[in-house]
Amino acid sequence: MSRLWFAAIAAGSLLCGAAQAQELDAIQWLERMYSASKHLSYTGTFLYQRGDHIETSRITRLVDEHGVRERLETLDGMPPREVVRDNDEVTCYLPGSMTVKVDSRRETRPFPLVQGERLDDIALHYDVRKGVVDRIAGHEAQAIILDPRDELRYGHRLWADLETGLLLKAKTYNERDEQVEQFTFTHLQIGGPIDQKLVQSRFAGKGGNWRVETSAMAEADLSKQGWRLKALPPGYRKVTELKRRVGEAEGVGHVVVSDGLAAVSVFIEPLQAGKVNRTPMGPSRKGALNIYTRHIDNYLVTVIGEVPADSVHRIADAVEYKPH
């Protein structure tokens, strides 16, 4: 009996060790994805699906001695859109309304972006493991599966290029294991000579009466105005805190919280005196996005993210205002 007992313990230890090794290997693939997203140049066409909406876009990213330049344009649907990034400046061209929106740096890609500084946290809240090797857009790709350990986040399937680690395909699943979002390259060139004209806007310098909207944005400490997040859901942390202009609203607080993979935005907008606000309160949904809106004093707090509705609600409830 004692030999059987020790044999069972040894077998269990081997299984546990194998599982830990597989998880570590999968986490290292996430690290490769993060590095590739920062340092690689590429150009390609991808499909993006959210619910019944399917969109085809082309993206070119050039990383060289001048920094990072990027151009993203939709290839179908009306009106067309184009987003051009030159290091920290992002310009969005909307020719349908003859509007140009200029903002500080933000990611222009619709697929998940793994945050390098939060990789250790991801394993605490997701079961991370390798899947099979597949073929996407002519490239062999390693599948990485991230199943949430609770009901506070969505599940993900990611496919990374075997040679470079670049993310080639991503699927997002809700708490009912239903696919809510998908991104996949259909054609892709990684590295090699990339024509600089591919990262230049086809609308810039063409003339016309464009209306320019500049979104002023700066880092901020909202706690000095009495705002704080008192109790976030497990795994979520504040990663960014800003003051910005959103549309016609000035001085909007913008807090981003994340679990290392999913990102949730908290907008704190001062209400204008004498102006009737018709924004519906409580929960709402738009495709994969869950939204929760509430009043706090003379402010409108809106929380939005691709996470379960309960997580968005709990983050909204965590927002507290105690003016000094």
Protein backbone atom coordinates (compact mmCIF):
# COMPACT_ATOMS: atom_id res chain seq x y z
CA MET A 1 0.00 0.00 0.00
CA SER A 2 2.81 2.42 0.87
CA ARG A 3 4.48 1.76 -2.51
CA LEU A 4 1.19 2.41 -4.30
CA TRP A 5 0.68 5.60 -2.30
CA PHE A 6 4.11 6.98 -3.15
CA ALA A 7 3.68 5.92 -6.79
CA ALA A 8 0.40 7.87 -6.93
CA ILE A 9 2.07 10.93 -5.40
CA ALA A 10 4.93 10.69 -7.91
CA ALA A 11 2.52 10.36 -10.83
CA GLY A 12 0.55 13.35 -9.59
CA SER A 13 3.72 15.40 -9.25
CA LEU A 14 4.75 14.52 -12.80
CA LEU A 15 1.35 15.53 -14.16
CA CYS A 16 1.42 18.77 -12.20
CA GLY A 17 4.94 19.51 -13.44
CA ALA A 18 3.94 18.83 -17.03
CA ALA A 19 0.94 21.15 -16.74
CA GLN A 20 3.10 23.90 -15.24
CA ALA A 21 5.67 23.47 -18.03
CA GLN A 22 2.94 23.75 -20.67
CA GLU A 23 1.55 26.88 -19.02
CA LEU A 24 5.03 28.44 -18.88
CA ASP A 25 5.55 27.62 -22.57
CA ALA A 26 2.20 29.24 -23.43
CA ILE A 27 3.09 32.36 -21.40
CA GLN A 28 6.36 32.59 -23.30
CA TRP A 29 4.34 32.60 -26.52
CA LEU A 30 2.35 35.54 -25.15
CA GLU A 31 5.66 37.29 -24.50
CA ARG A 32 6.65 36.68 -28.13
CA MET A 33 3.31 38.14 -29.30
CA TYR A 34 3.89 41.24 -27.17
CA SER A 35 7.42 41.74 -28.50
CA ALA A 36 6.33 41.18 -32.12
CA SER A 37 3.50 43.73 -31.77
CA LYS A 38 6.06 46.36 -30.75
CA HIS A 39 9.02 45.71 -33.01
CA LEU A 40 7.92 44.13 -36.31
CA SER A 41 7.07 45.80 -39.61
CA TYR A 42 4.35 44.19 -41.72
CA THR A 43 1.61 44.82 -44.25
CA GLY A 44 -1.53 42.79 -44.83
CA THR A 45 -5.27 42.47 -45.19
CA PHE A 46 -7.52 41.20 -42.41
CA LEU A 47 -11.15 40.41 -41.72
CA TYR A 48 -12.80 41.70 -38.55
CA GLN A 49 -16.13 40.30 -37.38
CA ARG A 50 -18.25 41.49 -34.47
CA GLY A 51 -21.71 39.89 -34.34
CA ASP A 52 -23.21 40.05 -37.82
CA HIS A 53 -20.87 42.84 -38.92
CA ILE A 54 -17.89 41.83 -41.08
CA GLU A 55 -15.31 44.33 -42.27
CA THR A 56 -12.22 44.02 -44.48
CA SER A 57 -9.27 46.30 -43.77
CA ARG A 58 -5.67 46.76 -44.79
CA ILE A 59 -2.94 47.60 -42.30
CA THR A 60 0.71 48.57 -42.84
CA ARG A 61 3.09 49.08 -39.94
CA LEU A 62 6.64 50.34 -40.47
CA VAL A 63 9.16 50.37 -37.61
CA ASP A 64 12.51 51.98 -38.45
CA GLU A 65 14.96 54.65 -37.29
CA HIS A 66 12.15 57.22 -37.52
CA GLY A 67 9.99 55.33 -35.02
CA VAL A 68 6.58 53.77 -35.69
CA ARG A 69 4.33 54.68 -38.59
CA GLU A 70 1.11 52.91 -39.31
CA ARG A 71 -1.84 53.14 -41.68
CA LEU A 72 -5.16 51.33 -41.32
CA GLU A 73 -7.91 51.67 -43.94
CA THR A 74 -11.26 49.97 -44.47
CA LEU A 75 -11.66 48.30 -47.85
CA ASP A 76 -15.42 47.79 -47.89
CA GLY A 77 -18.54 49.52 -46.63
CA MET A 78 -19.44 53.17 -46.68
CA PRO A 79 -18.28 55.67 -45.72
CA PRO A 80 -14.55 54.79 -45.91
CA ARG A 81 -12.24 55.36 -42.96
CA GLU A 82 -8.50 55.75 -42.61
CA VAL A 83 -6.32 55.94 -39.50
CA VAL A 84 -2.69 57.06 -39.80
CA ARG A 85 -0.21 56.96 -36.94
CA ASP A 86 3.10 58.81 -36.84
CA ASN A 87 4.74 57.87 -33.54
CA ASP A 88 2.63 59.59 -30.85
CA GLU A 89 0.18 61.31 -33.19
CA VAL A 90 -2.85 59.49 -34.59
CA THR A 91 -5.00 61.04 -37.34
CA CYS A 92 -8.37 59.60 -38.34
CA TYR A 93 -9.84 60.64 -41.71
CA LEU A 94 -13.63 60.39 -42.12
CA PRO A 95 -14.31 61.55 -45.69
CA GLY A 96 -18.03 60.84 -45.38
CA SER A 97 -18.35 63.81 -43.01
CA MET A 98 -15.17 65.57 -44.19
CA THR A 99 -13.79 65.29 -40.65
CA VAL A 100 -10.22 64.82 -39.46
CA LYS A 101 -9.73 63.74 -35.85
CA VAL A 102 -6.28 64.20 -34.34
CA ASP A 103 -5.41 62.40 -31.12
CA SER A 104 -2.43 61.22 -29.14
CA ARG A 105 -1.15 57.68 -29.51
CA ARG A 106 -3.57 54.80 -29.23
CA GLU A 107 -3.61 51.34 -30.74
CA THR A 108 -5.19 51.32 -34.19
CA ARG A 109 -5.59 47.56 -34.42
CA PRO A 110 -8.85 45.90 -33.36
CA PHE A 111 -7.34 42.67 -32.06
CA PRO A 112 -6.27 41.95 -28.47
CA LEU A 113 -2.99 43.46 -27.35
CA VAL A 114 -1.16 41.52 -24.68
CA GLN A 115 0.39 43.83 -22.09
CA GLY A 116 3.96 42.79 -21.39
CA GLU A 117 4.01 44.10 -17.83
CA ARG A 118 0.95 42.02 -16.89
CA LEU A 119 1.87 38.59 -18.27
CA ASP A 120 2.33 37.03 -14.83
CA ASP A 121 -1.13 38.24 -13.82
CA ILE A 122 -2.74 36.65 -16.89
CA ALA A 123 -1.92 33.15 -15.63
CA LEU A 124 -3.63 33.92 -12.32
CA HIS A 125 -6.98 34.57 -13.99
CA TYR A 126 -6.79 32.49 -17.18
CA ASP A 127 -6.03 28.85 -17.82
CA VAL A 128 -3.31 29.36 -20.45
CA ARG A 129 -2.22 26.49 -22.68
CA LYS A 130 -0.99 25.69 -26.17
CA GLY A 131 -3.30 24.36 -28.85
CA VAL A 132 -2.49 22.83 -32.22
CA VAL A 133 -0.43 24.36 -35.01
CA ASP A 134 -2.62 25.71 -37.81
CA ARG A 135 -2.07 27.57 -41.08
CA ILE A 136 -3.28 31.17 -41.47
CA ALA A 137 -2.69 33.47 -44.45
CA GLY A 138 0.09 31.17 -45.66
CA HIS A 139 1.89 31.18 -42.29
CA GLU A 140 2.13 28.33 -39.78
CA ALA A 141 0.67 29.49 -36.48
CA GLN A 142 0.72 28.24 -32.90
CA ALA A 143 -2.65 28.40 -31.14
CA ILE A 144 -2.74 29.70 -27.56
CA ILE A 145 -5.92 29.10 -25.54
CA LEU A 146 -6.92 31.38 -22.66
CA ASP A 147 -9.92 30.13 -20.70
CA PRO A 148 -11.05 32.40 -17.84
CA ARG A 149 -10.89 30.96 -14.34
CA ASP A 150 -13.98 32.95 -13.31
CA GLU A 151 -16.97 34.73 -14.86
CA LEU A 152 -15.36 38.18 -14.80
CA ARG A 153 -13.63 37.99 -18.17
CA TYR A 154 -14.02 36.57 -21.68
CA GLY A 155 -12.14 33.64 -23.17
CA HIS A 156 -9.66 34.02 -26.04
CA ARG A 157 -8.06 31.92 -28.75
CA LEU A 158 -4.91 33.45 -30.23
CA TRP A 159 -2.78 32.24 -33.15
CA ALA A 160 0.85 33.43 -33.42
CA ASP A 161 3.21 33.11 -36.37
CA LEU A 162 5.66 30.28 -35.63
CA GLU A 163 8.67 32.23 -36.92
CA THR A 164 8.07 35.73 -35.54
CA GLY A 165 5.35 35.46 -32.89
CA LEU A 166 3.13 38.03 -34.65
CA LEU A 167 -0.55 37.62 -33.87
CA LEU A 168 -2.31 36.32 -36.99
CA LYS A 169 -5.77 35.48 -35.70
CA ALA A 170 -7.84 36.04 -32.56
CA LYS A 171 -11.27 34.92 -31.35
CA THR A 172 -13.13 36.17 -28.29
CA TYR A 173 -15.78 34.13 -26.45
CA ASN A 174 -18.34 35.38 -23.92
CA GLU A 175 -19.33 33.76 -20.62
CA ARG A 176 -21.66 31.38 -22.52
CA ASP A 177 -18.73 30.28 -24.74
CA GLU A 178 -20.29 32.05 -27.73
CA GLN A 179 -17.96 33.73 -30.20
CA VAL A 180 -18.49 37.49 -30.05
CA GLU A 181 -15.53 38.76 -32.04
CA GLN A 182 -12.97 37.51 -34.55
CA PHE A 183 -9.96 38.93 -36.34
CA THR A 184 -7.87 37.08 -38.92
CA PHE A 185 -5.31 38.00 -41.52
CA THR A 186 -6.09 36.79 -45.03
CA HIS A 187 -2.87 38.10 -46.60
CA LEU A 188 0.29 39.12 -44.77
CA GLN A 189 3.90 40.13 -45.46
CA ILE A 190 6.10 40.25 -42.36
CA GLY A 191 9.29 42.31 -42.65
CA GLY A 192 11.14 42.74 -45.92
CA PRO A 193 11.02 45.92 -47.99
CA ILE A 194 7.83 47.91 -47.28
CA ASP A 195 7.06 50.92 -49.46
CA GLN A 196 6.84 54.04 -47.27
CA LYS A 197 3.93 55.26 -49.39
CA LEU A 198 1.84 52.53 -47.76
CA VAL A 199 1.93 54.38 -44.41
CA GLN A 200 1.04 57.76 -45.91
CA SER A 201 -2.55 59.03 -45.96
CA ARG A 202 -4.31 59.11 -49.31
CA PHE A 203 -6.45 62.01 -48.07
CA ALA A 204 -3.78 64.32 -46.63
CA GLY A 205 -2.94 67.27 -48.84
CA LYS A 206 -5.84 66.61 -51.22
CA GLY A 207 -7.57 69.88 -50.33
CA GLY A 208 -11.24 70.22 -49.47
CA ASN A 209 -13.04 71.75 -46.51
CA TRP A 210 -12.03 69.27 -43.84
CA ARG A 211 -13.21 69.95 -40.29
CA VAL A 212 -10.36 69.27 -37.88
CA GLU A 213 -11.13 68.03 -34.36
CA THR A 214 -8.19 67.87 -32.00
CA SER A 215 -8.61 65.79 -28.88
CA ALA A 216 -6.53 67.35 -26.14
CA MET A 217 -5.28 64.62 -23.81
CA ALA A 218 -2.91 64.65 -20.87
CA GLU A 219 -1.98 62.43 -17.96
CA ALA A 220 -3.93 63.29 -14.83
CA ASP A 221 -4.33 62.45 -11.16
CA LEU A 222 -8.10 62.32 -10.75
CA SER A 223 -7.77 61.58 -7.04
CA LYS A 224 -6.90 65.27 -6.54
CA GLN A 225 -10.47 66.02 -7.66
CA GLY A 226 -11.93 63.40 -5.34
CA TRP A 227 -12.23 60.43 -7.71
CA ARG A 228 -11.08 56.92 -6.88
CA LEU A 229 -11.79 53.28 -7.69
CA LYS A 230 -12.51 51.74 -4.31
CA ALA A 231 -12.79 47.99 -5.05
CA LEU A 232 -12.13 46.64 -8.54
CA PRO A 233 -13.03 43.05 -9.49
CA PRO A 234 -10.22 40.54 -8.85
CA GLY A 235 -7.42 40.79 -11.38
CA TYR A 236 -8.30 44.25 -12.68
CA ARG A 237 -5.95 47.16 -12.04
CA LYS A 238 -5.79 50.79 -13.07
CA VAL A 239 -3.22 51.23 -15.87
CA THR A 240 -3.91 54.71 -17.26
CA GLU A 241 -5.46 57.92 -15.95
CA LEU A 242 -6.10 60.86 -18.30
CA LYS A 243 -8.00 64.08 -18.83
CA ARG A 244 -9.29 64.55 -22.37
CA ARG A 245 -11.91 66.04 -24.62
CA VAL A 246 -14.56 63.64 -25.92
CA GLY A 247 -16.66 65.18 -28.70
CA GLU A 248 -17.83 68.54 -27.40
CA ALA A 249 -17.23 67.65 -23.74
CA GLU A 250 -14.15 69.20 -22.14
CA GLY A 251 -12.31 67.91 -19.09
CA VAL A 252 -13.52 64.32 -19.33
CA GLY A 253 -11.71 61.94 -17.00
CA HIS A 254 -10.62 58.70 -18.65
CA VAL A 255 -9.40 55.76 -16.58
CA VAL A 256 -8.35 52.46 -18.16
CA VAL A 257 -8.34 49.28 -16.07
CA SER A 258 -7.09 45.93 -17.30
CA ASP A 259 -6.43 42.34 -16.25
CA GLY A 260 -3.45 42.15 -18.61
CA LEU A 261 -5.51 41.16 -21.64
CA ALA A 262 -8.94 42.79 -21.49
CA ALA A 263 -9.19 46.59 -21.18
CA VAL A 264 -12.11 48.55 -19.73
CA SER A 265 -12.53 52.33 -20.07
CA VAL A 266 -14.13 54.52 -17.41
CA PHE A 267 -15.27 57.96 -18.64
CA ILE A 268 -16.17 60.67 -16.11
CA GLU A 269 -17.97 63.50 -17.87
CA PRO A 270 -19.09 66.73 -16.15
CA LEU A 271 -22.73 67.52 -16.93
CA GLN A 272 -23.47 70.95 -18.31
CA ALA A 273 -25.73 73.12 -16.15
CA GLY A 274 -29.16 73.59 -17.67
CA LYS A 275 -28.62 70.95 -20.34
CA VAL A 276 -30.92 67.91 -20.24
CA ASN A 277 -29.00 64.66 -20.37
CA ARG A 278 -30.93 61.93 -22.19
CA THR A 279 -28.34 59.18 -21.87
CA PRO A 280 -30.07 56.01 -20.58
CA MET A 281 -28.81 54.84 -17.21
CA GLY A 282 -27.85 51.29 -16.31
CA PRO A 283 -26.58 48.45 -18.52
CA SER A 284 -26.54 48.31 -22.31
CA ARG A 285 -24.75 46.31 -24.95
CA LYS A 286 -23.24 46.91 -28.38
CA GLY A 287 -21.87 43.78 -30.02
CA ALA A 288 -19.09 42.40 -27.81
CA LEU A 289 -19.05 45.63 -25.77
CA ASN A 290 -20.86 45.86 -22.45
CA ILE A 291 -21.67 49.34 -21.15
CA TYR A 292 -22.87 50.64 -17.81
CA THR A 293 -23.84 54.27 -17.14
CA ARG A 294 -24.63 56.00 -13.84
CA HIS A 295 -24.90 59.47 -12.34
CA ILE A 296 -22.59 60.59 -9.56
CA ASP A 297 -23.42 64.10 -8.38
CA ASN A 298 -23.17 66.33 -11.48
CA TYR A 299 -21.16 63.82 -13.47
CA LEU A 300 -21.98 61.07 -15.94
CA VAL A 301 -19.90 57.93 -15.43
CA THR A 302 -19.77 55.52 -18.38
CA VAL A 303 -17.89 52.21 -18.24
CA ILE A 304 -17.31 50.27 -21.46
CA GLY A 305 -15.32 47.16 -22.31
CA GLU A 306 -15.22 43.77 -23.99
CA VAL A 307 -15.77 41.90 -20.73
CA PRO A 308 -18.88 40.34 -19.14
CA ALA A 309 -21.70 42.69 -18.11
CA ASP A 310 -21.16 41.87 -14.42
CA SER A 311 -17.52 43.04 -14.61
CA VAL A 312 -18.53 46.34 -16.23
CA HIS A 313 -21.25 46.83 -13.58
CA ARG A 314 -18.84 46.10 -10.73
CA ILE A 315 -16.23 48.50 -12.13
CA ALA A 316 -18.93 51.19 -12.45
CA ASP A 317 -19.96 50.58 -8.82
CA ALA A 318 -16.28 50.93 -7.77
CA VAL A 319 -16.15 54.55 -8.97
CA GLU A 320 -16.41 56.83 -5.94
CA TYR A 321 -16.47 60.63 -5.71
CA LYS A 322 -15.58 62.49 -2.53
CA PRO A 323 -14.84 66.15 -3.35
CA HIS A 324 -12.28 67.76 -1.09
